[in-house]
Amino acid sequence: MEKEQIISNTYYDLGGFSSVKNTLEQARKKEPSIKYQDVKTWFGLSTAGFWLRFWRHWGFLPENVTEK
């Protein structure tokens, strides 16, 4: 599983929305190579990117839909 997917699963599996720090700690349990910058990059996407990730995570959008 790629880092972005692990971070996404971790963020949404923590019983709600979480901080960068908590997401990083939990994601590293699944994939120790995940760095702080990986999580910050994932969090740092625009608001539109947030909703794309949210809907894609729950299976409502195909992978080929991207933020423009």
N, C-alpha and C. Protein backbone atom coordinates (compact mmCIF):
# COMPACT_ATOMS: atom_id res chain seq x y z
N MET A 1 0.85 -1.18 0.00
CA MET A 1 0.00 0.00 0.00
C MET A 1 0.89 1.23 0.00
N GLU A 2 0.53 2.23 -0.79
CA GLU A 2 1.38 3.42 -0.86
C GLU A 2 1.15 4.32 0.35
N LYS A 3 2.14 5.18 0.58
CA LYS A 3 2.12 6.04 1.78
C LYS A 3 0.85 6.88 1.87
N GLU A 4 0.44 7.49 0.76
CA GLU A 4 -0.74 8.36 0.78
C GLU A 4 -1.97 7.59 1.24
N GLN A 5 -2.12 6.36 0.79
CA GLN A 5 -3.27 5.55 1.18
C GLN A 5 -3.20 5.18 2.66
N ILE A 6 -2.02 4.87 3.16
CA ILE A 6 -1.85 4.55 4.58
C ILE A 6 -2.21 5.77 5.43
N ILE A 7 -1.72 6.95 5.03
CA ILE A 7 -2.03 8.18 5.77
C ILE A 7 -3.53 8.44 5.74
N SER A 8 -4.15 8.29 4.58
CA SER A 8 -5.59 8.50 4.45
C SER A 8 -6.37 7.54 5.35
N ASN A 9 -6.04 6.26 5.28
CA ASN A 9 -6.72 5.27 6.11
C ASN A 9 -6.55 5.59 7.59
N THR A 10 -5.36 5.97 7.97
CA THR A 10 -5.08 6.30 9.37
C THR A 10 -5.89 7.51 9.80
N TYR A 11 -5.87 8.56 9.01
CA TYR A 11 -6.58 9.80 9.34
C TYR A 11 -8.07 9.55 9.55
N TYR A 12 -8.69 8.80 8.65
CA TYR A 12 -10.12 8.57 8.73
C TYR A 12 -10.50 7.44 9.69
N ASP A 13 -9.54 6.60 10.08
CA ASP A 13 -9.83 5.49 10.99
C ASP A 13 -9.67 5.84 12.46
N LEU A 14 -9.28 7.06 12.78
CA LEU A 14 -9.04 7.44 14.18
C LEU A 14 -10.31 7.93 14.88
N GLY A 15 -11.47 7.58 14.35
CA GLY A 15 -12.71 7.98 14.98
C GLY A 15 -13.05 9.45 14.72
N GLY A 16 -12.62 9.95 13.61
CA GLY A 16 -12.85 11.34 13.27
C GLY A 16 -11.59 11.93 12.70
N PHE A 17 -11.55 13.24 12.63
CA PHE A 17 -10.40 13.91 12.05
C PHE A 17 -9.34 14.08 13.12
N SER A 18 -8.10 13.95 12.75
CA SER A 18 -7.01 13.95 13.71
C SER A 18 -5.97 15.00 13.34
N SER A 19 -5.04 15.20 14.26
CA SER A 19 -3.94 16.14 14.02
C SER A 19 -2.86 15.47 13.18
N VAL A 20 -1.94 16.30 12.69
CA VAL A 20 -0.79 15.79 11.94
C VAL A 20 0.00 14.85 12.83
N LYS A 21 0.25 15.27 14.06
CA LYS A 21 1.06 14.47 15.00
C LYS A 21 0.45 13.10 15.25
N ASN A 22 -0.83 13.06 15.56
CA ASN A 22 -1.48 11.77 15.83
C ASN A 22 -1.54 10.89 14.59
N THR A 23 -1.83 11.51 13.46
CA THR A 23 -1.87 10.74 12.22
C THR A 23 -0.50 10.15 11.91
N LEU A 24 0.55 10.94 12.08
CA LEU A 24 1.91 10.46 11.84
C LEU A 24 2.25 9.28 12.75
N GLU A 25 1.96 9.42 14.04
CA GLU A 25 2.27 8.34 14.99
C GLU A 25 1.58 7.04 14.61
N GLN A 26 0.29 7.13 14.26
CA GLN A 26 -0.46 5.93 13.91
C GLN A 26 -0.04 5.36 12.56
N ALA A 27 0.23 6.23 11.59
CA ALA A 27 0.64 5.77 10.26
C ALA A 27 2.00 5.07 10.32
N ARG A 28 2.89 5.56 11.17
CA ARG A 28 4.21 4.94 11.30
C ARG A 28 4.13 3.53 11.88
N LYS A 29 3.08 3.24 12.62
CA LYS A 29 2.90 1.88 13.13
C LYS A 29 2.64 0.91 11.97
N LYS A 30 2.02 1.41 10.91
CA LYS A 30 1.72 0.59 9.74
C LYS A 30 2.85 0.61 8.72
N GLU A 31 3.53 1.76 8.62
CA GLU A 31 4.62 1.93 7.65
C GLU A 31 5.67 2.86 8.25
N PRO A 32 6.73 2.29 8.83
CA PRO A 32 7.74 3.09 9.52
C PRO A 32 8.48 4.11 8.63
N SER A 33 8.43 3.95 7.32
CA SER A 33 9.14 4.88 6.44
C SER A 33 8.39 6.20 6.23
N ILE A 34 7.16 6.30 6.73
CA ILE A 34 6.40 7.54 6.58
C ILE A 34 7.04 8.63 7.42
N LYS A 35 7.26 9.76 6.78
CA LYS A 35 7.93 10.91 7.43
C LYS A 35 6.90 12.00 7.75
N TYR A 36 7.31 12.90 8.63
CA TYR A 36 6.49 14.05 8.99
C TYR A 36 6.08 14.81 7.73
N GLN A 37 7.02 15.01 6.80
CA GLN A 37 6.73 15.75 5.58
C GLN A 37 5.67 15.07 4.72
N ASP A 38 5.65 13.74 4.73
CA ASP A 38 4.61 13.01 3.97
C ASP A 38 3.22 13.37 4.49
N VAL A 39 3.09 13.38 5.81
CA VAL A 39 1.80 13.69 6.42
C VAL A 39 1.45 15.15 6.22
N LYS A 40 2.42 16.05 6.39
CA LYS A 40 2.18 17.48 6.18
C LYS A 40 1.75 17.75 4.74
N THR A 41 2.37 17.08 3.79
CA THR A 41 2.00 17.25 2.39
C THR A 41 0.56 16.78 2.18
N TRP A 42 0.23 15.63 2.73
CA TRP A 42 -1.13 15.11 2.61
C TRP A 42 -2.14 16.08 3.22
N PHE A 43 -1.84 16.62 4.39
CA PHE A 43 -2.72 17.58 5.05
C PHE A 43 -2.76 18.91 4.31
N GLY A 44 -1.67 19.28 3.66
CA GLY A 44 -1.54 20.60 3.08
C GLY A 44 -2.24 20.82 1.76
N LEU A 45 -2.87 19.82 1.22
CA LEU A 45 -3.59 20.01 -0.03
C LEU A 45 -4.75 20.98 0.18
N SER A 46 -5.20 21.59 -0.87
CA SER A 46 -6.27 22.59 -0.79
C SER A 46 -7.56 21.97 -0.26
N THR A 47 -8.52 22.83 0.03
CA THR A 47 -9.82 22.37 0.51
C THR A 47 -10.47 21.43 -0.50
N ALA A 48 -10.37 21.75 -1.78
CA ALA A 48 -10.91 20.86 -2.81
C ALA A 48 -10.22 19.50 -2.74
N GLY A 49 -8.91 19.53 -2.53
CA GLY A 49 -8.16 18.28 -2.39
C GLY A 49 -8.62 17.47 -1.20
N PHE A 50 -8.95 18.16 -0.11
CA PHE A 50 -9.46 17.47 1.08
C PHE A 50 -10.72 16.70 0.74
N TRP A 51 -11.66 17.36 0.07
CA TRP A 51 -12.92 16.69 -0.26
C TRP A 51 -12.73 15.58 -1.28
N LEU A 52 -11.81 15.77 -2.23
CA LEU A 52 -11.52 14.68 -3.16
C LEU A 52 -10.98 13.47 -2.42
N ARG A 53 -10.05 13.70 -1.49
CA ARG A 53 -9.50 12.59 -0.71
C ARG A 53 -10.59 11.92 0.13
N PHE A 54 -11.43 12.74 0.74
CA PHE A 54 -12.50 12.22 1.59
C PHE A 54 -13.43 11.32 0.80
N TRP A 55 -13.96 11.80 -0.34
CA TRP A 55 -14.90 11.02 -1.13
C TRP A 55 -14.23 9.81 -1.77
N ARG A 56 -12.97 9.97 -2.21
CA ARG A 56 -12.26 8.83 -2.79
C ARG A 56 -12.03 7.76 -1.71
N HIS A 57 -11.66 8.20 -0.52
CA HIS A 57 -11.41 7.25 0.57
C HIS A 57 -12.62 6.37 0.82
N TRP A 58 -13.80 6.95 0.79
CA TRP A 58 -15.03 6.20 1.07
C TRP A 58 -15.62 5.56 -0.18
N GLY A 59 -14.90 5.64 -1.30
CA GLY A 59 -15.28 4.90 -2.50
C GLY A 59 -16.29 5.59 -3.41
N PHE A 60 -16.49 6.90 -3.23
CA PHE A 60 -17.46 7.60 -4.06
C PHE A 60 -16.85 8.21 -5.32
N LEU A 61 -15.53 8.25 -5.40
CA LEU A 61 -14.87 8.80 -6.59
C LEU A 61 -13.84 7.81 -7.10
N PRO A 62 -13.73 7.68 -8.41
CA PRO A 62 -12.67 6.81 -8.96
C PRO A 62 -11.30 7.48 -8.80
N GLU A 63 -10.26 6.70 -8.88
CA GLU A 63 -8.89 7.18 -8.72
C GLU A 63 -8.49 8.19 -9.79
N ASN A 64 -9.12 8.17 -10.97
CA ASN A 64 -8.70 9.05 -12.05
C ASN A 64 -9.25 10.48 -11.92
N VAL A 65 -10.05 10.78 -10.91
CA VAL A 65 -10.54 12.13 -10.65
C VAL A 65 -9.47 12.85 -9.86
N THR A 66 -9.00 13.99 -10.36
CA THR A 66 -7.92 14.71 -9.69
C THR A 66 -8.28 16.17 -9.46
N GLU A 67 -7.54 16.79 -8.55
CA GLU A 67 -7.73 18.20 -8.25
C GLU A 67 -7.07 19.03 -9.33
N LYS A 68 -7.73 20.06 -9.80
CA LYS A 68 -7.17 20.97 -10.81
C LYS A 68 -7.24 22.37 -10.29
